[in-house]
Protein backbone atom coordinates (compact mmCIF):
# COMPACT_ATOMS: atom_id res chain seq x y z
CA UNK A 1 40.84 38.56 16.49
CA UNK A 2 37.21 38.68 17.80
CA UNK A 3 35.15 36.52 20.24
CA UNK A 4 31.50 36.23 20.77
CA UNK A 5 30.43 39.48 22.27
CA UNK A 6 32.51 41.42 19.88
CA UNK A 7 35.35 41.45 22.66
CA UNK A 8 38.84 42.23 21.15
CA UNK A 9 41.14 40.08 23.45
CA UNK A 10 44.43 41.82 22.38
CA UNK A 11 42.92 45.03 22.90
CA UNK A 12 41.79 44.03 26.34
CA UNK A 13 45.07 42.59 27.27
CA UNK A 14 46.70 45.93 26.32
CA UNK A 15 44.32 47.86 28.50
CA UNK A 16 44.90 45.56 31.29
CA UNK A 17 48.58 45.83 30.85
CA UNK A 18 48.48 49.73 30.81
CA UNK A 19 46.47 49.54 34.03
CA UNK A 20 48.88 47.12 35.37
CA UNK A 21 52.00 49.38 34.52
CA UNK A 22 50.20 52.34 36.07
CA UNK A 23 49.29 50.67 39.32
CA UNK A 24 52.98 49.29 39.55
CA UNK A 25 54.13 52.84 38.94
CA UNK A 26 52.19 54.30 41.79
CA UNK A 27 52.61 51.70 44.14
CA UNK A 28 56.41 51.81 43.60
CA UNK A 29 56.50 55.65 43.77
CA UNK A 30 54.89 55.39 47.31
CA UNK A 31 57.08 52.32 48.37
CA UNK A 32 60.27 54.11 47.29
CA UNK A 33 59.30 57.52 48.85
CA UNK A 34 58.49 56.03 52.15
CA UNK A 35 61.52 53.69 52.27
CA UNK A 36 63.90 56.48 51.28
CA UNK A 37 62.16 58.91 53.40
CA UNK A 38 62.69 56.49 56.45
CA UNK A 39 66.24 56.07 55.21
CA UNK A 40 66.90 59.79 55.44
CA UNK A 41 65.31 59.99 58.99
CA UNK A 42 67.49 57.03 60.21
CA UNK A 43 70.74 58.31 58.62
CA UNK A 44 70.11 61.92 60.03
CA UNK A 45 69.50 60.64 63.57
CA UNK A 46 71.85 57.46 63.71
CA UNK A 47 75.48 58.15 62.48
CA UNK A 48 76.57 54.54 62.33
CA UNK A 49 76.83 52.03 59.45
CA UNK A 50 75.66 49.47 62.00
CA UNK A 51 72.54 51.36 62.44
CA UNK A 52 72.17 51.52 58.59
CA UNK A 53 72.67 47.86 58.45
CA UNK A 54 70.01 47.12 61.03
CA UNK A 55 67.64 49.35 58.88
CA UNK A 56 68.45 47.20 56.00
CA UNK A 57 67.51 44.33 57.88
CA UNK A 58 63.85 45.46 58.34
CA UNK A 59 63.59 44.42 54.61
CA UNK A 60 65.49 41.23 54.85
CA UNK A 61 64.01 39.47 57.83
CA UNK A 62 60.66 39.67 56.43
CA UNK A 63 61.93 38.09 53.26
CA UNK A 64 63.57 35.25 55.13
CA UNK A 65 60.40 34.61 57.15
CA UNK A 66 57.61 35.16 54.84
CA UNK A 67 58.61 35.20 51.06
CA UNK A 68 57.75 31.27 50.88
CA UNK A 69 54.41 31.69 52.60
CA UNK A 70 53.74 34.85 50.32
CA UNK A 71 54.26 32.53 47.19
CA UNK A 72 51.94 30.05 48.81
CA UNK A 73 49.44 32.64 49.32
CA UNK A 74 49.91 34.11 45.85
CA UNK A 75 49.42 30.43 44.15
CA UNK A 76 46.37 29.80 46.53
CA UNK A 77 44.22 32.83 46.21
CA UNK A 78 43.39 34.84 43.41
CA UNK A 79 46.23 37.37 42.31
CA UNK A 80 43.91 40.40 42.31
CA UNK A 81 42.96 39.35 45.74
CA UNK A 82 46.27 39.27 47.21
CA UNK A 83 47.60 42.50 45.30
CA UNK A 84 44.52 44.64 46.41
CA UNK A 85 44.70 43.26 50.06
CA UNK A 86 48.57 44.09 50.37
CA UNK A 87 48.13 47.79 49.07
CA UNK A 88 45.01 48.05 51.64
CA UNK A 89 47.31 46.97 54.64
CA UNK A 90 50.02 49.50 53.58
CA UNK A 91 47.44 52.11 52.88
CA UNK A 92 46.01 51.52 56.49
CA UNK A 93 49.73 51.77 57.58
CA UNK A 94 50.28 55.05 55.87
CA UNK A 95 47.06 56.39 57.62
CA UNK A 96 48.36 55.39 60.95
CA UNK A 97 51.85 57.28 60.28
CA UNK A 98 50.03 60.59 59.52
CA UNK A 99 48.03 60.20 63.01
CA UNK A 100 50.34 58.66 65.12
CA UNK A 101 53.68 60.91 64.65
CA UNK A 102 55.84 57.98 65.72
CA UNK A 103 59.37 58.43 66.83
CA UNK A 104 62.50 56.57 65.37
CA UNK A 105 61.49 53.29 66.75
CA UNK A 106 58.13 53.51 65.44
CA UNK A 107 59.03 54.42 62.03
CA UNK A 108 61.52 51.62 61.65
CA UNK A 109 58.69 49.36 62.82
CA UNK A 110 56.64 50.68 60.24
CA UNK A 111 59.27 50.02 57.55
CA UNK A 112 59.20 46.38 58.97
CA UNK A 113 55.58 46.33 58.27
CA UNK A 114 55.75 47.62 54.88
CA UNK A 115 58.38 45.17 53.87
CA UNK A 116 56.35 42.24 55.39
CA UNK A 117 53.32 43.30 53.20
CA UNK A 118 55.56 43.24 50.12
CA UNK A 119 56.30 39.76 50.76
CA UNK A 120 52.71 38.82 49.57
CA UNK A 121 52.24 41.47 47.03
CA UNK A 122 55.66 40.79 45.23
CA UNK A 123 54.99 37.15 44.22
CA UNK A 124 51.47 38.00 43.38
CA UNK A 125 52.27 40.73 41.19
CA UNK A 126 55.03 38.86 39.35
CA UNK A 127 52.83 35.99 38.71
CA UNK A 128 49.74 38.12 37.53
CA UNK A 129 51.85 39.55 34.62
CA UNK A 130 51.29 36.49 32.59
CA UNK A 131 47.42 37.16 32.67
CA UNK A 132 47.90 40.61 30.86
CA UNK A 133 51.03 39.80 28.61
CA UNK A 134 51.39 37.15 25.81
CA UNK A 135 54.30 34.95 26.17
CA UNK A 136 55.96 36.25 23.10
CA UNK A 137 55.92 39.71 24.41
CA UNK A 138 57.28 38.86 27.79
CA UNK A 139 60.88 40.29 27.40
CA UNK A 140 59.40 43.57 26.13
CA UNK A 141 56.89 43.85 28.99
CA UNK A 142 59.58 42.97 31.52
CA UNK A 143 61.79 45.65 30.00
CA UNK A 144 59.00 48.07 30.06
CA UNK A 145 58.14 47.26 33.68
CA UNK A 146 61.74 47.61 34.65
CA UNK A 147 61.70 51.23 33.14
CA UNK A 148 58.58 51.70 35.37
CA UNK A 149 60.50 50.74 38.20
CA UNK A 150 63.30 52.77 37.36
CA UNK A 151 61.14 55.93 37.02
CA UNK A 152 59.44 55.20 40.42
CA UNK A 153 63.06 54.72 42.05
CA UNK A 154 64.28 58.12 40.78
CA UNK A 155 61.03 60.00 41.16
CA UNK A 156 60.10 58.38 44.56
CA UNK A 157 63.58 58.52 46.22
CA UNK A 158 64.98 61.58 44.47
CA UNK A 159 61.80 63.83 44.40
CA UNK A 160 58.99 62.79 46.40
CA UNK A 161 60.50 61.76 49.50
CA UNK A 162 63.14 64.51 50.08
CA UNK A 163 60.79 67.31 48.85
CA UNK A 164 57.76 66.11 50.93
CA UNK A 165 60.10 66.10 54.07
CA UNK A 166 61.70 69.37 53.43
CA UNK A 167 58.25 71.20 52.49
CA UNK A 168 55.67 69.42 54.79
CA UNK A 169 57.63 67.37 57.25
CA UNK A 170 57.03 63.55 58.12
CA UNK A 171 53.23 63.94 58.23
CA UNK A 172 53.45 65.56 54.58
CA UNK A 173 55.53 62.55 53.41
CA UNK A 174 53.24 59.95 54.86
CA UNK A 175 50.16 61.74 53.39
CA UNK A 176 51.75 61.67 50.02
CA UNK A 177 52.42 57.92 50.34
CA UNK A 178 48.92 57.35 51.51
CA UNK A 179 47.35 59.00 48.22
CA UNK A 180 49.72 56.98 45.97
CA UNK A 181 48.88 53.62 47.57
CA UNK A 182 45.28 54.65 47.09
CA UNK A 183 45.58 55.41 43.58
CA UNK A 184 47.40 52.11 42.83
CA UNK A 185 44.69 50.02 44.62
CA UNK A 186 42.17 51.80 42.50
CA UNK A 187 44.02 50.71 39.22
CA UNK A 188 44.69 47.25 40.23
CA UNK A 189 41.11 46.85 41.20
CA UNK A 190 39.67 47.99 37.92
CA UNK A 191 41.68 44.98 36.01
CA UNK A 192 39.00 42.40 35.40
CA UNK A 193 41.47 39.37 36.17
CA UNK A 194 44.86 39.00 37.22
CA UNK A 195 45.19 35.19 37.42
CA UNK A 196 46.56 33.62 34.14
CA UNK A 197 45.41 30.42 32.54
CA UNK A 198 47.79 27.74 33.82
CA UNK A 199 47.42 24.91 31.03
CA UNK A 200 47.65 21.50 32.46
CA UNK A 201 46.67 21.50 36.11
CA UNK A 202 49.03 20.74 38.91
CA UNK A 203 48.57 19.98 42.70
CA UNK A 204 48.39 23.19 44.74
CA UNK A 205 51.52 23.73 46.94
CA UNK A 206 51.27 24.16 50.57
CA UNK A 207 53.30 26.03 53.08
CA UNK A 208 55.50 22.93 53.69
CA UNK A 209 55.87 22.05 50.13
CA UNK A 210 56.29 25.42 48.26
CA UNK A 211 59.89 25.99 49.00
CA UNK A 212 60.97 22.41 48.00
CA UNK A 213 58.65 22.68 45.09
CA UNK A 214 60.30 26.15 44.28
CA UNK A 215 63.78 24.71 44.85
CA UNK A 216 63.24 21.60 42.51
CA UNK A 217 62.01 23.97 39.66
CA UNK A 218 65.21 26.04 40.07
CA UNK A 219 67.67 23.18 40.55
CA UNK A 220 65.73 21.09 37.99
CA UNK A 221 66.66 23.41 35.15
CA UNK A 222 70.32 24.56 34.35
CA UNK A 223 69.29 27.76 33.10
CA UNK A 224 67.26 28.72 36.14
CA UNK A 225 69.93 27.16 38.48
CA UNK A 226 72.68 29.48 36.95
CA UNK A 227 70.63 32.81 36.91
CA UNK A 228 69.35 32.40 40.36
CA UNK A 229 72.97 31.84 41.52
CA UNK A 230 74.11 35.13 40.08
CA UNK A 231 71.01 37.02 40.82
CA UNK A 232 71.43 36.06 44.66
CA UNK A 233 75.19 37.24 44.75
CA UNK A 234 74.05 40.39 43.06
CA UNK A 235 71.33 41.02 45.36
CA UNK A 236 73.47 40.54 48.52
CA UNK A 237 76.44 42.81 47.13
CA UNK A 238 73.78 45.46 46.46
CA UNK A 239 72.62 45.25 50.12
CA UNK A 240 76.27 45.41 51.33
CA UNK A 241 76.78 48.63 49.12
CA UNK A 242 73.63 50.23 50.49
CA UNK A 243 74.98 49.79 53.95
CA UNK A 244 78.45 51.24 52.69
CA UNK A 245 77.13 54.01 50.72
CA UNK A 246 76.79 56.65 53.39
CA UNK A 247 80.44 56.09 54.64
CA UNK A 248 81.44 55.91 50.92
CA UNK A 249 79.86 59.35 50.22
CA UNK A 250 81.31 60.86 53.35
CA UNK A 251 84.61 59.54 53.55
CA UNK A 252 85.65 58.98 49.70
CA UNK A 253 83.41 61.41 47.83
CA UNK A 254 83.47 63.95 50.81
CA UNK A 255 79.73 65.10 50.40
CA UNK A 256 76.95 64.67 53.07
CA UNK A 257 75.35 61.12 53.10
CA UNK A 258 71.81 62.48 52.44
CA UNK A 259 72.96 63.25 48.71
CA UNK A 260 73.08 59.53 48.05
CA UNK A 261 70.38 59.40 45.70
CA UNK A 262 71.76 62.09 43.71
CA UNK A 263 75.27 60.68 43.73
CA UNK A 264 73.87 57.49 42.39
CA UNK A 265 71.34 58.98 40.05
CA UNK A 266 73.69 58.71 36.99
CA UNK A 267 73.12 54.78 37.20
CA UNK A 268 69.87 55.39 35.79
CA UNK A 269 71.71 56.01 32.39
CA UNK A 270 72.78 52.62 32.27
CA UNK A 271 69.46 51.24 33.58
CA UNK A 272 67.69 52.88 30.67
CA UNK A 273 70.16 51.60 28.18
CA UNK A 274 69.77 48.17 29.52
CA UNK A 275 66.00 48.30 29.34
CA UNK A 276 66.59 49.31 25.64
CA UNK A 277 69.30 46.83 24.62
CA UNK A 278 68.45 43.56 26.95
CA UNK A 279 65.03 42.68 25.18
CA UNK A 280 67.06 42.91 21.75
CA UNK A 281 69.81 40.73 23.22
CA UNK A 282 67.21 38.15 24.56
CA UNK A 283 66.11 37.54 21.02
CA UNK A 284 69.70 36.48 19.92
CA UNK A 285 71.29 35.13 23.08
CA UNK A 286 70.17 32.74 25.86
CA UNK A 287 69.20 34.60 29.28
CA UNK A 288 72.05 32.76 31.24
CA UNK A 289 74.63 34.67 28.85
CA UNK A 290 73.23 37.86 29.35
CA UNK A 291 72.82 37.52 33.16
CA UNK A 292 76.61 36.39 33.09
CA UNK A 293 77.71 39.45 31.30
CA UNK A 294 75.72 41.81 33.25
CA UNK A 295 77.08 40.29 36.50
CA UNK A 296 80.61 40.99 35.10
CA UNK A 297 79.63 44.72 34.57
CA UNK A 298 78.58 45.06 38.18
CA UNK A 299 81.63 43.40 39.64
CA UNK A 300 83.74 45.68 37.49
CA UNK A 301 82.09 48.61 38.94
CA UNK A 302 82.20 47.46 42.52
CA UNK A 303 85.89 46.94 42.33
CA UNK A 304 86.54 50.32 40.80
CA UNK A 305 84.55 52.43 43.20
CA UNK A 306 87.40 51.85 45.93
CA UNK A 307 89.83 53.55 43.60
CA UNK A 308 87.64 56.43 42.33
CA UNK A 309 90.06 59.14 43.26
CA UNK A 310 93.13 57.34 41.65
CA UNK A 311 90.77 56.69 38.56
CA UNK A 312 89.70 60.24 38.55
CA UNK A 313 93.24 61.56 38.17
CA UNK A 314 93.94 58.97 35.21
CA UNK A 315 91.07 59.94 33.25
CA UNK A 316 91.68 63.74 33.76
CA UNK A 317 95.36 63.47 32.79
CA UNK A 318 95.76 60.52 30.42
CA UNK A 319 92.50 59.85 28.39
CA UNK A 320 89.99 61.62 26.43
CA UNK A 321 87.14 60.96 28.59
CA UNK A 322 85.29 64.12 29.28
CA UNK A 323 85.84 64.11 32.99
CA UNK A 324 86.49 67.78 33.27
CA UNK A 325 83.40 68.62 31.30
CA UNK A 326 81.40 66.53 33.41
CA UNK A 327 82.96 68.03 36.47
CA UNK A 328 82.07 71.70 35.17
CA UNK A 329 78.70 70.50 34.14
CA UNK A 330 77.74 69.16 37.63
CA UNK A 331 79.96 71.57 39.73
CA UNK A 332 81.46 68.88 41.66
CA UNK A 333 84.75 67.31 42.65
CA UNK A 334 86.72 65.22 40.25
CA UNK A 335 86.01 62.00 42.15
CA UNK A 336 82.16 62.60 42.01
CA UNK A 337 82.39 63.38 38.36
CA UNK A 338 84.26 59.99 38.01
CA UNK A 339 81.71 58.26 39.94
CA UNK A 340 78.91 59.66 37.77
CA UNK A 341 80.86 58.32 34.47
CA UNK A 342 81.30 54.80 36.08
CA UNK A 343 77.70 54.20 37.55
CA UNK A 344 76.05 53.81 34.32
CA UNK A 345 78.09 50.55 33.67
CA UNK A 346 76.89 49.38 37.10
CA UNK A 347 73.24 50.29 36.16
CA UNK A 348 73.68 48.64 32.88
CA UNK A 349 74.79 45.27 34.30
CA UNK A 350 72.25 45.26 37.03
CA UNK A 351 69.54 45.62 34.43
CA UNK A 352 70.61 43.03 32.24
CA UNK A 353 70.69 40.64 35.13
CA UNK A 354 67.40 41.45 36.42
CA UNK A 355 65.54 41.53 33.17
CA UNK A 356 67.38 38.42 31.83
CA UNK A 357 66.64 36.45 35.14
CA UNK A 358 62.97 37.31 35.17
CA UNK A 359 62.57 36.39 31.59
CA UNK A 360 64.19 32.92 32.15
CA UNK A 361 61.73 32.33 34.93
CA UNK A 362 58.74 33.05 32.58
CA UNK A 363 60.34 30.72 29.89
CA UNK A 364 61.56 27.89 31.92
CA UNK A 365 59.08 27.43 34.85
CA UNK A 366 55.63 25.83 34.88
CA UNK A 367 52.95 28.49 35.01
CA UNK A 368 51.73 27.26 38.14
CA UNK A 369 55.12 27.34 39.66
CA UNK A 370 56.02 30.81 38.67
CA UNK A 371 55.03 32.61 41.84
CA UNK A 372 56.83 29.75 43.98
CA UNK A 373 59.94 30.34 41.99
CA UNK A 374 60.07 33.90 42.52
CA UNK A 375 59.26 33.34 46.27
CA UNK A 376 62.04 30.79 46.45
CA UNK A 377 64.48 33.09 44.77
CA UNK A 378 63.60 35.71 47.11
CA UNK A 379 63.88 33.31 50.19
CA UNK A 380 67.32 32.11 49.21
CA UNK A 381 68.61 35.80 48.46
CA UNK A 382 67.24 36.86 51.91
CA UNK A 383 68.83 34.00 53.89
CA UNK A 384 72.20 34.41 51.85
CA UNK A 385 72.56 38.01 52.58
CA UNK A 386 71.75 38.08 56.31
CA UNK A 387 75.24 37.30 57.48
CA UNK A 388 77.00 39.66 55.11
CA UNK A 389 74.50 42.76 55.59
CA UNK A 390 75.30 42.39 59.43
CA UNK A 391 78.97 41.97 58.75
CA UNK A 392 79.03 44.92 56.39
CA UNK A 393 77.86 47.33 59.23
CA UNK A 394 80.43 46.12 61.58
CA UNK A 395 83.16 46.20 58.98
CA UNK A 396 82.33 49.58 57.55
CA UNK A 397 82.57 51.01 61.26
CA UNK A 398 85.88 49.18 61.92
CA UNK A 399 87.57 49.46 58.58
CA UNK A 400 88.07 51.88 55.62
CA UNK A 401 84.97 51.68 53.49
CA UNK A 402 86.95 51.11 50.26
CA UNK A 403 88.58 47.97 51.81
CA UNK A 404 84.93 46.59 52.39
CA UNK A 405 84.18 47.39 48.72
CA UNK A 406 87.31 45.56 47.56
CA UNK A 407 86.35 42.61 49.81
CA UNK A 408 82.76 42.62 48.36
CA UNK A 409 84.08 42.71 44.87
CA UNK A 410 86.49 39.84 45.25
CA UNK A 411 83.69 37.80 47.22
CA UNK A 412 81.09 38.17 44.35
CA UNK A 413 83.68 37.19 41.73
CA UNK A 414 85.21 34.07 43.82
CA UNK A 415 81.59 32.72 44.53
CA UNK A 416 80.38 33.17 41.08
CA UNK A 417 83.33 31.28 39.81
CA UNK A 418 82.91 28.38 42.18
CA UNK A 419 79.27 28.15 41.64
CA UNK A 420 79.21 28.33 37.99
CA UNK A 421 82.52 26.19 37.66
CA UNK A 422 80.98 23.21 39.59
CA UNK A 423 78.95 20.40 38.17
CA UNK A 424 75.48 21.36 37.44
CA UNK A 425 73.34 18.21 36.65
CA UNK A 426 69.67 19.40 36.51
CA UNK A 427 67.03 16.63 37.00
CA UNK A 428 64.99 16.00 34.06
CA UNK A 429 61.66 17.87 33.91
CA UNK A 430 58.91 18.48 31.38
CA UNK A 431 58.87 22.23 30.28
CA UNK A 432 55.33 23.70 29.67
CA UNK A 433 54.94 26.79 27.77
CA UNK A 434 53.04 29.80 29.54
CA UNK A 435 49.24 29.55 28.05
CA UNK A 436 47.99 32.79 26.97
CA UNK A 437 45.55 34.18 29.43
CA UNK A 438 41.89 34.20 28.11
């Protein structure tokens, strides 16, 4: 299709999406390298689950305080301006880290600032996707961007952070992060427009109306309400697992906590599989069913982890599962090999939930409310996770980490059943399809 001026809109949109995906990749590489690098520093200097819990809170508290204002800003300002400004703020922070050489307190404060900027960047980036992707291609685009996220997580946390710290120290890590943020800023700046067409105009939400508006959008649609409930429970459980991971790795798997990223790396296999099959499933099944199925897989993985030693013996003695081959290939103990075989199921379930839940928002929410819905989901998830995250640190220090994981899995199951079994009577709303961006 051509328009006056010989502009090929599908071609321009594909070019914009490639730049968008490239900018997202570079941004996430920097973000994950910085956060995991700080995590390594905290775990190395503070051998306490409560300290790990406090570090996790540096990402949770900004979400509680600023996720709704972030959604307001994303709707009020041009998306490109918000994205570029948030990247510029983190670029300046990385430059300060290079010169200041802060101690542990300064580094944790920097992590807090990084997550603060993310509250404005995240809703704007999520809402900007509709400007570079046609509605019918949204499931495939979400899957591709989840692949970008996975690649950035594995590379940023698994390679960039540990290698930079080992080879060049903290200043080398911060310098690498600075360069990646700068490249991401250039790519996003090169995209002509990141504000999608919104169809019928609606009143712009303010600071005190954004959360109620996002809440009404979620509770007014049965699909959004169900997927948001499971998404919030999943995200809260994942934060608890992050807090428990160092103790689980040292006490149960009997290996240093610094190996966390490598222990959990096999989960990427399940994530990749989920990125392949979830868009296909979304063509045949409603998002809420896929979210539910993915949630069940994650719960199953969480409840299996505490018994991984017993599972490894059963797999080795009574099944045809190639545990011994995995053990020989990885040159690790049986329980680590069994964990490597289990985690892909958790990665698959997590990806099914994430991709299907995001697709549901794009399908069900009005274009002018997309950023508010994402911001409201983030705010709800952060508030809900505050108590469990703090409690997890104290419980892991006081109890066997396996008991904490069992309690987490049981709580996830019980709360999901209570939420989904209860009456859900959404208020009537007019659904408006996302208009293709000009």
